[in-house]
Amino acid sequence: MEIEIGSVVMLKSGGPAMTVKSTFGATVTCVWQDSDGKLNEAAFDQALLRDGSVKVLIG
């Protein structure tokens, strides 16, 4: 998976959708809002993330 600034990702173990703020090597810094609307930020190893974009299928 190609991770770029602005990409939407999720932890492979689940959790909220997060937006990529920056990358440095295999470290990806993400931001997201919690259920109270508080903005959070944390860094994760790229191996822990998956694509979090929503795909809509129209049949």
Protein backbone atom coordinates (compact mmCIF):
# COMPACT_ATOMS: atom_id res chain seq x y z
CA MET A 1 0.00 0.00 0.00
CA GLU A 2 1.32 3.42 -0.95
CA ILE A 3 0.98 5.85 1.94
CA GLU A 4 1.03 9.55 1.11
CA ILE A 5 0.18 12.70 3.04
CA GLY A 6 -3.61 12.97 3.04
CA SER A 7 -4.20 9.21 2.67
CA VAL A 8 -6.88 7.68 4.87
CA VAL A 9 -5.60 4.70 6.88
CA MET A 10 -6.66 2.48 9.76
CA LEU A 11 -4.79 0.24 12.13
CA LYS A 12 -4.91 -3.39 10.98
CA SER A 13 -6.30 -4.21 14.43
CA GLY A 14 -9.20 -1.77 13.93
CA GLY A 15 -10.09 1.67 15.23
CA PRO A 16 -10.98 5.00 13.66
CA ALA A 17 -10.10 6.19 10.19
CA MET A 18 -7.02 8.42 10.37
CA THR A 19 -5.49 10.93 7.96
CA VAL A 20 -1.75 10.75 7.23
CA LYS A 21 -0.06 13.98 8.33
CA SER A 22 3.55 13.04 7.52
CA THR A 23 5.88 10.16 6.82
CA PHE A 24 9.52 9.57 7.69
CA GLY A 25 10.92 6.25 6.52
CA ALA A 26 8.54 3.58 7.83
CA THR A 27 7.07 5.93 10.46
CA VAL A 28 3.67 7.42 9.63
CA THR A 29 2.18 10.25 11.68
CA CYS A 30 -1.61 10.27 11.64
CA VAL A 31 -4.36 12.55 12.94
CA TRP A 32 -7.99 11.71 13.80
CA GLN A 33 -10.91 12.95 15.85
CA ASP A 34 -12.22 10.91 18.75
CA SER A 35 -15.92 10.56 19.60
CA ASP A 36 -15.76 13.79 21.66
CA GLY A 37 -14.35 15.74 18.70
CA LYS A 38 -10.87 15.98 20.22
CA LEU A 39 -8.06 15.98 17.65
CA ASN A 40 -5.48 13.24 18.28
CA GLU A 41 -2.08 12.62 16.73
CA ALA A 42 0.23 9.61 16.92
CA ALA A 43 3.03 7.91 14.98
CA PHE A 44 2.78 4.31 13.79
CA ASP A 45 5.00 1.88 11.92
CA GLN A 46 3.72 1.53 8.36
CA ALA A 47 3.39 -2.25 8.85
CA LEU A 48 0.57 -1.65 11.37
CA LEU A 49 -1.62 0.27 8.89
CA ARG A 50 -4.06 -0.64 6.14
CA ASP A 51 -6.06 1.36 3.59
CA GLY A 52 -8.94 3.03 5.39
CA SER A 53 -10.71 4.63 2.46
CA VAL A 54 -14.36 3.78 1.96
CA LYS A 55 -15.32 2.27 -1.37
CA VAL A 56 -18.92 2.40 -2.53
CA LEU A 57 -20.14 -0.25 -4.94
CA ILE A 58 -23.07 0.62 -7.15
CA GLY A 59 -24.80 -2.43 -8.52
